[in-house]
Amino acid sequence: MHAHRRTAVLVLLLVLTGLCTLYRWLYDAVWWTEEKYISPAPLGTALPIRNDPLGEGVFGAKRRERTHKGLDIVLAEGTPVRVSRPGSATTGFDKNGYGHYVKIVHDDGSLTLYAHMERPRVLDAERVRQGEVIGAAGRSGNADYEGMTTHLHFEIRIDGEAVDPLPLLYPFSPYDSPWASTLAGRFGRKMP
């Protein structure tokens, strides 16, 4: 009889621990991601980093006269690019550099930059939400060289300085979950 009670208590404790863990995970995933950087790549996309005969796409890679300030994420041409954090968008074109690009200034003053895209799908000064599609991967600017892998150049700048994006990317995005928008909607939260 006492063995059954002990087992029941242990099972109850395990269930409660699991529920607490699940609650914490959902809380982090659904309510706090806007303060974190999520991957600009679409749902279920790994983050392969460009490494071709023309160079490496890792942050800090040596280039001829400079250091690479972002992360080159290999994406097929036309793949949707998502906003990493909400903010205000600015678009531009630099023929010999970024090509078509979008810069997003976030509420805390940090900035994310998305370059070598096909034409952006946002307007200047437009407020964009986390996870919203702002364009598609392309080969504009200096990414149009023969032999260069199609990629998205992604930068994070904090206090005006470029930082390595990889350790800052939150490993989970609620936009990647088929049930997250339903769950968030029940709590009055809108998701793109």
N, C-alpha and C. Protein backbone atom coordinates (compact mmCIF):
# COMPACT_ATOMS: atom_id res chain seq x y z
N MET A 1 0.82 -1.19 0.00
CA MET A 1 0.00 0.00 0.00
C MET A 1 0.87 1.26 0.00
N HIS A 2 1.90 1.30 0.87
CA HIS A 2 2.77 2.48 0.93
C HIS A 2 3.59 2.62 -0.35
N ALA A 3 3.94 1.51 -0.97
CA ALA A 3 4.70 1.55 -2.22
C ALA A 3 3.87 2.21 -3.32
N HIS A 4 2.58 1.94 -3.36
CA HIS A 4 1.71 2.54 -4.36
C HIS A 4 1.57 4.04 -4.13
N ARG A 5 1.50 4.45 -2.86
CA ARG A 5 1.42 5.90 -2.56
C ARG A 5 2.70 6.61 -2.98
N ARG A 6 3.84 5.98 -2.65
CA ARG A 6 5.13 6.57 -3.03
C ARG A 6 5.22 6.68 -4.55
N THR A 7 4.81 5.67 -5.26
CA THR A 7 4.83 5.69 -6.71
C THR A 7 3.91 6.79 -7.24
N ALA A 8 2.73 6.88 -6.66
CA ALA A 8 1.77 7.91 -7.09
C ALA A 8 2.33 9.31 -6.84
N VAL A 9 2.97 9.52 -5.71
CA VAL A 9 3.56 10.81 -5.38
C VAL A 9 4.70 11.12 -6.35
N LEU A 10 5.53 10.16 -6.66
CA LEU A 10 6.63 10.36 -7.61
C LEU A 10 6.10 10.69 -9.00
N VAL A 11 5.08 9.97 -9.41
CA VAL A 11 4.48 10.25 -10.72
C VAL A 11 3.89 11.66 -10.73
N LEU A 12 3.20 12.04 -9.68
CA LEU A 12 2.63 13.38 -9.59
C LEU A 12 3.72 14.45 -9.64
N LEU A 13 4.82 14.23 -8.92
CA LEU A 13 5.94 15.17 -8.95
C LEU A 13 6.55 15.27 -10.35
N LEU A 14 6.70 14.15 -11.01
CA LEU A 14 7.24 14.17 -12.37
C LEU A 14 6.30 14.91 -13.32
N VAL A 15 5.02 14.68 -13.20
CA VAL A 15 4.04 15.38 -14.05
C VAL A 15 4.08 16.88 -13.77
N LEU A 16 4.10 17.28 -12.52
CA LEU A 16 4.17 18.71 -12.17
C LEU A 16 5.46 19.34 -12.68
N THR A 17 6.57 18.64 -12.53
CA THR A 17 7.85 19.14 -13.04
C THR A 17 7.78 19.32 -14.55
N GLY A 18 7.21 18.33 -15.24
CA GLY A 18 7.05 18.43 -16.69
C GLY A 18 6.16 19.59 -17.08
N LEU A 19 5.07 19.80 -16.37
CA LEU A 19 4.18 20.91 -16.67
C LEU A 19 4.86 22.26 -16.44
N CYS A 20 5.64 22.36 -15.38
CA CYS A 20 6.38 23.60 -15.11
C CYS A 20 7.39 23.87 -16.21
N THR A 21 8.09 22.81 -16.64
CA THR A 21 9.06 22.96 -17.72
C THR A 21 8.37 23.39 -19.01
N LEU A 22 7.25 22.75 -19.32
CA LEU A 22 6.49 23.10 -20.52
C LEU A 22 6.00 24.55 -20.45
N TYR A 23 5.48 24.96 -19.30
CA TYR A 23 5.01 26.34 -19.14
C TYR A 23 6.16 27.32 -19.38
N ARG A 24 7.31 27.04 -18.80
CA ARG A 24 8.46 27.94 -18.96
C ARG A 24 8.89 28.01 -20.42
N TRP A 25 8.89 26.86 -21.08
CA TRP A 25 9.28 26.82 -22.49
C TRP A 25 8.30 27.62 -23.33
N LEU A 26 7.00 27.44 -23.09
CA LEU A 26 5.99 28.20 -23.83
C LEU A 26 6.09 29.69 -23.54
N TYR A 27 6.30 30.03 -22.29
CA TYR A 27 6.43 31.43 -21.90
C TYR A 27 7.60 32.07 -22.64
N ASP A 28 8.75 31.41 -22.64
CA ASP A 28 9.92 31.93 -23.35
C ASP A 28 9.66 32.01 -24.85
N ALA A 29 9.09 30.96 -25.39
CA ALA A 29 8.92 30.87 -26.84
C ALA A 29 7.88 31.83 -27.37
N VAL A 30 6.75 31.94 -26.73
CA VAL A 30 5.66 32.73 -27.28
C VAL A 30 5.68 34.18 -26.84
N TRP A 31 6.01 34.45 -25.60
CA TRP A 31 5.88 35.82 -25.11
C TRP A 31 7.17 36.63 -25.12
N TRP A 32 8.32 36.04 -25.14
CA TRP A 32 9.53 36.83 -24.99
C TRP A 32 10.44 36.84 -26.20
N THR A 33 10.07 36.24 -27.31
CA THR A 33 10.99 36.20 -28.44
C THR A 33 11.22 37.56 -29.07
N GLU A 34 10.31 38.51 -28.93
CA GLU A 34 10.55 39.80 -29.56
C GLU A 34 11.78 40.50 -28.99
N GLU A 35 12.22 40.10 -27.82
CA GLU A 35 13.44 40.67 -27.26
C GLU A 35 14.67 39.89 -27.69
N LYS A 36 14.46 38.77 -28.40
CA LYS A 36 15.55 37.93 -28.85
C LYS A 36 15.61 37.99 -30.37
N TYR A 37 16.75 37.64 -30.92
CA TYR A 37 16.91 37.59 -32.36
C TYR A 37 16.55 36.19 -32.83
N ILE A 38 15.62 36.08 -33.79
CA ILE A 38 15.32 34.78 -34.37
C ILE A 38 15.97 34.69 -35.74
N SER A 39 16.09 33.51 -36.26
CA SER A 39 16.70 33.31 -37.56
C SER A 39 15.92 34.00 -38.66
N PRO A 40 16.62 34.66 -39.58
CA PRO A 40 15.92 35.27 -40.71
C PRO A 40 15.51 34.25 -41.77
N ALA A 41 16.00 33.01 -41.64
CA ALA A 41 15.66 31.95 -42.60
C ALA A 41 14.28 31.40 -42.28
N PRO A 42 13.60 30.82 -43.27
CA PRO A 42 12.24 30.32 -43.04
C PRO A 42 12.18 29.06 -42.19
N LEU A 43 10.96 28.72 -41.83
CA LEU A 43 10.64 27.55 -41.03
C LEU A 43 11.45 26.32 -41.40
N GLY A 44 12.08 25.73 -40.41
CA GLY A 44 12.77 24.46 -40.58
C GLY A 44 14.07 24.55 -41.37
N THR A 45 14.53 25.75 -41.70
CA THR A 45 15.75 25.89 -42.48
C THR A 45 16.95 25.87 -41.55
N ALA A 46 17.90 25.00 -41.87
CA ALA A 46 19.15 24.99 -41.11
C ALA A 46 19.90 26.28 -41.47
N LEU A 47 20.98 26.53 -40.78
CA LEU A 47 21.76 27.73 -41.08
C LEU A 47 23.13 27.36 -41.64
N PRO A 48 23.17 26.81 -42.86
CA PRO A 48 24.49 26.54 -43.44
C PRO A 48 25.16 27.86 -43.78
N ILE A 49 26.42 27.95 -43.46
CA ILE A 49 27.17 29.19 -43.70
C ILE A 49 27.95 29.05 -45.00
N ARG A 50 27.92 30.09 -45.80
CA ARG A 50 28.60 30.08 -47.10
C ARG A 50 30.09 29.79 -46.95
N ASN A 51 30.57 28.89 -47.78
CA ASN A 51 32.00 28.58 -47.85
C ASN A 51 32.25 28.10 -49.28
N ASP A 52 32.65 29.04 -50.14
CA ASP A 52 32.89 28.71 -51.54
C ASP A 52 34.26 29.25 -51.95
N PRO A 53 34.68 29.04 -53.19
CA PRO A 53 36.01 29.50 -53.61
C PRO A 53 36.25 31.00 -53.42
N LEU A 54 35.17 31.77 -53.29
CA LEU A 54 35.32 33.22 -53.13
C LEU A 54 35.38 33.66 -51.67
N GLY A 55 35.27 32.71 -50.74
CA GLY A 55 35.44 33.08 -49.34
C GLY A 55 34.49 32.37 -48.40
N GLU A 56 34.75 32.60 -47.11
CA GLU A 56 33.90 32.05 -46.06
C GLU A 56 32.91 33.12 -45.63
N GLY A 57 31.75 32.67 -45.19
CA GLY A 57 30.71 33.60 -44.77
C GLY A 57 30.56 33.73 -43.27
N VAL A 58 31.56 33.30 -42.51
CA VAL A 58 31.46 33.41 -41.06
C VAL A 58 31.80 34.83 -40.62
N PHE A 59 31.30 35.20 -39.46
CA PHE A 59 31.62 36.51 -38.90
C PHE A 59 33.12 36.56 -38.60
N GLY A 60 33.76 37.65 -38.99
CA GLY A 60 35.19 37.83 -38.72
C GLY A 60 36.11 37.23 -39.77
N ALA A 61 35.57 36.62 -40.83
CA ALA A 61 36.41 36.05 -41.88
C ALA A 61 37.24 37.16 -42.52
N LYS A 62 38.46 36.83 -42.85
CA LYS A 62 39.35 37.81 -43.46
C LYS A 62 38.99 38.00 -44.92
N ARG A 63 38.84 39.22 -45.33
CA ARG A 63 38.63 39.58 -46.73
C ARG A 63 39.86 40.37 -47.17
N ARG A 64 39.92 40.77 -48.41
CA ARG A 64 41.13 41.45 -48.92
C ARG A 64 41.61 42.57 -48.00
N GLU A 65 40.76 43.55 -47.80
CA GLU A 65 41.17 44.72 -47.02
C GLU A 65 40.30 44.96 -45.80
N ARG A 66 39.53 43.93 -45.41
CA ARG A 66 38.60 44.13 -44.32
C ARG A 66 38.26 42.80 -43.66
N THR A 67 37.45 42.92 -42.62
CA THR A 67 36.94 41.74 -41.92
C THR A 67 35.45 41.64 -42.20
N HIS A 68 34.96 40.42 -42.42
CA HIS A 68 33.54 40.21 -42.70
C HIS A 68 32.72 40.53 -41.46
N LYS A 69 31.72 41.38 -41.59
CA LYS A 69 30.96 41.90 -40.46
C LYS A 69 29.63 41.20 -40.21
N GLY A 70 29.36 40.13 -40.93
CA GLY A 70 28.07 39.47 -40.76
C GLY A 70 28.19 37.97 -40.92
N LEU A 71 27.06 37.38 -41.24
CA LEU A 71 26.95 35.94 -41.41
C LEU A 71 26.30 35.72 -42.77
N ASP A 72 26.92 34.93 -43.64
CA ASP A 72 26.34 34.62 -44.94
C ASP A 72 25.61 33.29 -44.84
N ILE A 73 24.29 33.34 -44.80
CA ILE A 73 23.44 32.16 -44.65
C ILE A 73 23.05 31.68 -46.04
N VAL A 74 23.42 30.45 -46.37
CA VAL A 74 23.11 29.88 -47.68
C VAL A 74 21.61 29.65 -47.78
N LEU A 75 21.00 30.30 -48.78
CA LEU A 75 19.57 30.14 -49.06
C LEU A 75 19.39 30.09 -50.57
N ALA A 76 18.47 29.29 -51.03
CA ALA A 76 18.18 29.26 -52.46
C ALA A 76 17.61 30.60 -52.89
N GLU A 77 17.90 30.98 -54.12
CA GLU A 77 17.37 32.24 -54.64
C GLU A 77 15.84 32.22 -54.56
N GLY A 78 15.26 33.31 -54.04
CA GLY A 78 13.82 33.41 -53.90
C GLY A 78 13.29 32.95 -52.56
N THR A 79 14.15 32.39 -51.69
CA THR A 79 13.71 31.95 -50.37
C THR A 79 13.30 33.15 -49.53
N PRO A 80 12.14 33.10 -48.87
CA PRO A 80 11.69 34.24 -48.06
C PRO A 80 12.67 34.56 -46.91
N VAL A 81 12.83 35.84 -46.66
CA VAL A 81 13.68 36.33 -45.57
C VAL A 81 12.76 36.97 -44.54
N ARG A 82 12.93 36.58 -43.26
CA ARG A 82 12.06 37.06 -42.18
C ARG A 82 12.78 38.05 -41.28
N VAL A 83 11.99 38.88 -40.64
CA VAL A 83 12.50 39.86 -39.68
C VAL A 83 12.93 39.12 -38.41
N SER A 84 14.14 39.40 -37.96
CA SER A 84 14.68 38.76 -36.77
C SER A 84 14.08 39.33 -35.49
N ARG A 85 13.90 40.65 -35.47
CA ARG A 85 13.26 41.35 -34.34
C ARG A 85 12.43 42.49 -34.90
N PRO A 86 11.37 42.89 -34.20
CA PRO A 86 10.53 43.97 -34.71
C PRO A 86 11.26 45.31 -34.69
N GLY A 87 10.85 46.19 -35.61
CA GLY A 87 11.46 47.51 -35.64
C GLY A 87 11.00 48.30 -36.85
N SER A 88 11.77 49.33 -37.19
CA SER A 88 11.44 50.22 -38.30
C SER A 88 12.42 49.97 -39.45
N ALA A 89 11.87 49.71 -40.65
CA ALA A 89 12.67 49.30 -41.80
C ALA A 89 13.14 50.48 -42.64
N THR A 90 14.33 50.33 -43.21
CA THR A 90 14.87 51.23 -44.21
C THR A 90 15.42 50.36 -45.33
N THR A 91 15.11 50.71 -46.57
CA THR A 91 15.60 49.92 -47.70
C THR A 91 16.65 50.72 -48.46
N GLY A 92 17.46 50.00 -49.22
CA GLY A 92 18.46 50.67 -50.02
C GLY A 92 19.06 49.74 -51.06
N PHE A 93 19.94 50.31 -51.89
CA PHE A 93 20.63 49.53 -52.91
C PHE A 93 22.06 50.04 -53.00
N ASP A 94 23.00 49.11 -52.97
CA ASP A 94 24.43 49.41 -53.10
C ASP A 94 24.99 48.45 -54.14
N LYS A 95 25.18 48.95 -55.36
CA LYS A 95 25.57 48.12 -56.51
C LYS A 95 26.84 47.30 -56.25
N ASN A 96 27.82 47.88 -55.59
CA ASN A 96 29.10 47.20 -55.40
C ASN A 96 29.26 46.57 -54.02
N GLY A 97 28.20 46.55 -53.25
CA GLY A 97 28.30 46.00 -51.90
C GLY A 97 27.11 45.13 -51.56
N TYR A 98 26.24 45.67 -50.72
CA TYR A 98 25.10 44.91 -50.21
C TYR A 98 24.04 44.58 -51.26
N GLY A 99 24.02 45.26 -52.39
CA GLY A 99 22.94 45.08 -53.34
C GLY A 99 21.65 45.59 -52.71
N HIS A 100 20.54 44.91 -52.97
CA HIS A 100 19.28 45.28 -52.31
C HIS A 100 19.38 44.87 -50.85
N TYR A 101 19.09 45.82 -49.97
CA TYR A 101 19.18 45.50 -48.54
C TYR A 101 18.05 46.16 -47.76
N VAL A 102 17.84 45.60 -46.57
CA VAL A 102 16.89 46.18 -45.61
C VAL A 102 17.62 46.30 -44.28
N LYS A 103 17.55 47.49 -43.68
CA LYS A 103 18.06 47.69 -42.33
C LYS A 103 16.86 47.88 -41.42
N ILE A 104 16.90 47.25 -40.28
CA ILE A 104 15.81 47.41 -39.31
C ILE A 104 16.40 47.92 -38.01
N VAL A 105 15.92 49.08 -37.57
CA VAL A 105 16.33 49.64 -36.28
C VAL A 105 15.30 49.18 -35.25
N HIS A 106 15.80 48.58 -34.17
CA HIS A 106 14.93 48.03 -33.13
C HIS A 106 14.77 49.04 -32.00
N ASP A 107 13.76 48.82 -31.17
CA ASP A 107 13.43 49.76 -30.10
C ASP A 107 14.58 50.03 -29.15
N ASP A 108 15.48 49.06 -28.97
CA ASP A 108 16.62 49.25 -28.06
C ASP A 108 17.81 49.91 -28.74
N GLY A 109 17.65 50.30 -30.02
CA GLY A 109 18.72 50.98 -30.75
C GLY A 109 19.61 50.03 -31.55
N SER A 110 19.48 48.74 -31.34
CA SER A 110 20.28 47.80 -32.14
C SER A 110 19.72 47.78 -33.56
N LEU A 111 20.49 47.18 -34.47
CA LEU A 111 20.12 47.18 -35.87
C LEU A 111 20.38 45.81 -36.46
N THR A 112 19.51 45.34 -37.34
CA THR A 112 19.79 44.15 -38.12
C THR A 112 19.79 44.55 -39.59
N LEU A 113 20.64 43.88 -40.37
CA LEU A 113 20.78 44.19 -41.79
C LEU A 113 20.66 42.89 -42.58
N TYR A 114 19.90 42.95 -43.67
CA TYR A 114 19.63 41.80 -44.53
C TYR A 114 20.04 42.22 -45.94
N ALA A 115 21.06 41.59 -46.54
CA ALA A 115 21.61 42.08 -47.81
C ALA A 115 21.69 40.99 -48.87
N HIS A 116 21.90 41.44 -50.11
CA HIS A 116 21.99 40.62 -51.34
C HIS A 116 20.62 40.04 -51.70
N MET A 117 19.57 40.74 -51.31
CA MET A 117 18.22 40.23 -51.54
C MET A 117 17.73 40.59 -52.94
N GLU A 118 16.65 39.88 -53.37
CA GLU A 118 15.87 40.37 -54.49
C GLU A 118 15.22 41.65 -53.96
N ARG A 119 14.45 42.30 -54.72
CA ARG A 119 13.85 43.56 -54.26
C ARG A 119 13.13 43.38 -52.91
N PRO A 120 13.34 44.31 -51.98
CA PRO A 120 12.66 44.24 -50.67
C PRO A 120 11.14 44.34 -50.82
N ARG A 121 10.43 43.76 -49.87
CA ARG A 121 8.96 43.79 -49.87
C ARG A 121 8.43 44.68 -48.76
N VAL A 122 9.22 45.65 -48.33
CA VAL A 122 8.79 46.59 -47.31
C VAL A 122 9.08 48.00 -47.79
N LEU A 123 8.47 48.97 -47.15
CA LEU A 123 8.67 50.37 -47.49
C LEU A 123 9.55 51.03 -46.45
N ASP A 124 10.22 52.12 -46.83
CA ASP A 124 11.00 52.88 -45.86
C ASP A 124 10.10 53.37 -44.74
N ALA A 125 10.62 53.30 -43.54
CA ALA A 125 9.95 53.75 -42.31
C ALA A 125 8.77 52.86 -41.93
N GLU A 126 8.59 51.75 -42.63
CA GLU A 126 7.50 50.84 -42.29
C GLU A 126 7.87 50.08 -41.01
N ARG A 127 6.91 49.95 -40.14
CA ARG A 127 7.08 49.17 -38.89
C ARG A 127 6.88 47.70 -39.26
N VAL A 128 7.85 46.85 -38.94
CA VAL A 128 7.77 45.43 -39.27
C VAL A 128 7.77 44.59 -38.01
N ARG A 129 7.07 43.45 -38.08
CA ARG A 129 6.94 42.55 -36.93
C ARG A 129 7.93 41.40 -37.04
N GLN A 130 8.28 40.86 -35.91
CA GLN A 130 9.17 39.70 -35.88
C GLN A 130 8.53 38.56 -36.66
N GLY A 131 9.31 37.94 -37.55
CA GLY A 131 8.82 36.83 -38.35
C GLY A 131 8.19 37.24 -39.67
N GLU A 132 7.94 38.53 -39.86
CA GLU A 132 7.33 39.01 -41.10
C GLU A 132 8.32 38.86 -42.26
N VAL A 133 7.83 38.48 -43.44
CA VAL A 133 8.68 38.35 -44.63
C VAL A 133 8.94 39.75 -45.18
N ILE A 134 10.24 40.08 -45.37
CA ILE A 134 10.61 41.42 -45.85
C ILE A 134 11.23 41.38 -47.24
N GLY A 135 11.42 40.19 -47.78
CA GLY A 135 12.04 40.06 -49.08
C GLY A 135 12.41 38.60 -49.33
N ALA A 136 13.29 38.42 -50.31
CA ALA A 136 13.72 37.06 -50.65
C ALA A 136 15.21 37.05 -50.93
N ALA A 137 15.84 35.93 -50.68
CA ALA A 137 17.28 35.79 -50.95
C ALA A 137 17.53 35.98 -52.44
N GLY A 138 18.62 36.65 -52.75
CA GLY A 138 18.95 36.91 -54.16
C GLY A 138 20.45 36.91 -54.37
N ARG A 139 20.85 37.57 -55.44
CA ARG A 139 22.28 37.64 -55.79
C ARG A 139 22.66 39.08 -56.15
N SER A 140 22.08 40.04 -55.47
CA SER A 140 22.34 41.44 -55.81
C SER A 140 23.64 41.93 -55.20
N GLY A 141 24.12 43.05 -55.74
CA GLY A 141 25.37 43.64 -55.24
C GLY A 141 26.56 42.76 -55.55
N ASN A 142 27.52 42.72 -54.62
CA ASN A 142 28.73 41.94 -54.89
C ASN A 142 28.55 40.44 -54.69
N ALA A 143 27.32 39.97 -54.53
CA ALA A 143 27.04 38.53 -54.43
C ALA A 143 26.72 37.94 -55.80
N ASP A 144 26.88 38.73 -56.85
CA ASP A 144 26.53 38.28 -58.20
C ASP A 144 27.71 37.69 -58.95
N TYR A 145 28.78 37.36 -58.26
CA TYR A 145 29.96 36.78 -58.92
C TYR A 145 29.72 35.32 -59.27
N GLU A 146 30.24 34.90 -60.41
CA GLU A 146 30.16 33.50 -60.80
C GLU A 146 30.95 32.66 -59.78
N GLY A 147 30.35 31.58 -59.34
CA GLY A 147 31.02 30.71 -58.37
C GLY A 147 30.66 31.03 -56.93
N MET A 148 29.96 32.15 -56.70
CA MET A 148 29.55 32.48 -55.34
C MET A 148 28.18 31.86 -55.07
N THR A 149 28.06 31.22 -53.92
CA THR A 149 26.81 30.60 -53.51
C THR A 149 25.77 31.66 -53.17
N THR A 150 24.54 31.45 -53.60
CA THR A 150 23.45 32.38 -53.25
C THR A 150 23.28 32.37 -51.73
N HIS A 151 23.20 33.55 -51.15
CA HIS A 151 23.12 33.63 -49.68
C HIS A 151 22.47 34.94 -49.24
N LEU A 152 22.10 34.96 -47.98
CA LEU A 152 21.63 36.18 -47.32
C LEU A 152 22.75 36.64 -46.41
N HIS A 153 23.19 37.87 -46.58
CA HIS A 153 24.16 38.46 -45.65
C HIS A 153 23.35 39.06 -44.51
N PHE A 154 23.61 38.60 -43.28
CA PHE A 154 22.84 39.02 -42.11
C PHE A 154 23.79 39.59 -41.06
N GLU A 155 23.49 40.80 -40.61
CA GLU A 155 24.31 41.46 -39.58
C GLU A 155 23.46 41.87 -38.40
N ILE A 156 24.08 41.88 -37.23
CA ILE A 156 23.50 42.48 -36.04
C ILE A 156 24.51 43.52 -35.56
N ARG A 157 24.03 44.74 -35.34
CA ARG A 157 24.90 45.81 -34.82
C ARG A 157 24.32 46.30 -33.50
N ILE A 158 25.15 46.31 -32.50
CA ILE A 158 24.77 46.79 -31.17
C ILE A 158 25.69 47.95 -30.83
N ASP A 159 25.10 49.08 -30.47
CA ASP A 159 25.87 50.32 -30.22
C ASP A 159 26.75 50.67 -31.42
N GLY A 160 26.24 50.41 -32.63
CA GLY A 160 26.96 50.75 -33.85
C GLY A 160 28.03 49.77 -34.27
N GLU A 161 28.31 48.78 -33.45
CA GLU A 161 29.37 47.80 -33.75
C GLU A 161 28.76 46.48 -34.20
N ALA A 162 29.31 45.92 -35.29
CA ALA A 162 28.86 44.61 -35.75
C ALA A 162 29.29 43.55 -34.74
N VAL A 163 28.37 42.64 -34.42
CA VAL A 163 28.67 41.53 -33.51
C VAL A 163 28.33 40.22 -34.22
N ASP A 164 28.92 39.14 -33.77
CA ASP A 164 28.67 37.84 -34.36
C ASP A 164 27.21 37.46 -34.12
N PRO A 165 26.42 37.29 -35.18
CA PRO A 165 25.00 36.97 -35.00
C PRO A 165 24.73 35.56 -34.47
N LEU A 166 25.60 34.62 -34.79
CA LEU A 166 25.30 33.23 -34.49
C LEU A 166 24.98 32.95 -33.03
N PRO A 167 25.80 33.42 -32.07
CA PRO A 167 25.46 33.12 -30.68
C PRO A 167 24.22 33.86 -30.17
N LEU A 168 23.78 34.90 -30.89
CA LEU A 168 22.62 35.68 -30.45
C LEU A 168 21.30 35.17 -30.99
N LEU A 169 21.35 34.31 -32.00
CA LEU A 169 20.11 33.82 -32.58
C LEU A 169 19.43 32.85 -31.63
N TYR A 170 18.21 33.18 -31.28
CA TYR A 170 17.42 32.35 -30.37
C TYR A 170 17.13 31.03 -31.07
N PRO A 171 17.34 29.91 -30.40
CA PRO A 171 17.24 28.62 -31.08
C PRO A 171 15.83 28.19 -31.46
N PHE A 172 14.82 28.89 -30.96
CA PHE A 172 13.45 28.51 -31.28
C PHE A 172 12.67 29.75 -31.64
N SER A 173 11.86 29.62 -32.64
CA SER A 173 10.96 30.71 -32.99
C SER A 173 9.53 30.21 -32.90
N PRO A 174 8.64 30.94 -32.27
CA PRO A 174 7.26 30.50 -32.22
C PRO A 174 6.64 30.42 -33.61
N TYR A 175 7.22 31.12 -34.57
CA TYR A 175 6.69 31.09 -35.93
C TYR A 175 6.99 29.75 -36.59
N ASP A 176 7.91 28.97 -36.01
CA ASP A 176 8.25 27.67 -36.55
C ASP A 176 7.33 26.57 -36.04
N SER A 177 6.43 26.89 -35.16
CA SER A 177 5.57 25.88 -34.56
C SER A 177 4.17 25.96 -35.15
N PRO A 178 3.61 24.82 -35.57
CA PRO A 178 2.29 24.87 -36.18
C PRO A 178 1.17 25.27 -35.22
N TRP A 179 1.39 25.11 -33.92
CA TRP A 179 0.33 25.42 -32.96
C TRP A 179 0.55 26.74 -32.24
N ALA A 180 1.70 27.36 -32.41
CA ALA A 180 2.03 28.55 -31.63
C ALA A 180 1.08 29.72 -31.89
N SER A 181 0.72 29.94 -33.16
CA SER A 181 -0.16 31.07 -33.43
C SER A 181 -1.55 30.84 -32.84
N THR A 182 -2.00 29.60 -32.84
CA THR A 182 -3.28 29.28 -32.22
C THR A 182 -3.22 29.54 -30.73
N LEU A 183 -2.16 29.06 -30.09
CA LEU A 183 -1.97 29.25 -28.66
C LEU A 183 -1.87 30.74 -28.33
N ALA A 184 -1.04 31.46 -29.10
CA ALA A 184 -0.85 32.87 -28.83
C ALA A 184 -2.17 33.64 -29.01
N GLY A 185 -2.95 33.25 -30.02
CA GLY A 185 -4.23 33.91 -30.27
C GLY A 185 -5.18 33.77 -29.09
N ARG A 186 -5.12 32.67 -28.38
CA ARG A 186 -5.98 32.48 -27.22
C ARG A 186 -5.61 33.43 -26.09
N PHE A 187 -4.38 33.93 -26.12
CA PHE A 187 -3.93 34.83 -25.07
C PHE A 187 -3.85 36.26 -25.56
N GLY A 188 -4.53 36.55 -26.70
CA GLY A 188 -4.63 37.93 -27.17
C GLY A 188 -3.38 38.43 -27.87
N ARG A 189 -2.53 37.53 -28.30
CA ARG A 189 -1.28 37.93 -28.94
C ARG A 189 -1.38 37.63 -30.44
N LYS A 190 -1.02 38.59 -31.29
CA LYS A 190 -1.07 38.37 -32.73
C LYS A 190 0.30 37.98 -33.24
N MET A 191 0.32 37.03 -34.15
CA MET A 191 1.57 36.60 -34.76
C MET A 191 1.41 36.69 -36.26
N PRO A 192 2.48 37.05 -36.98
CA PRO A 192 2.39 37.18 -38.45
C PRO A 192 2.20 35.83 -39.11
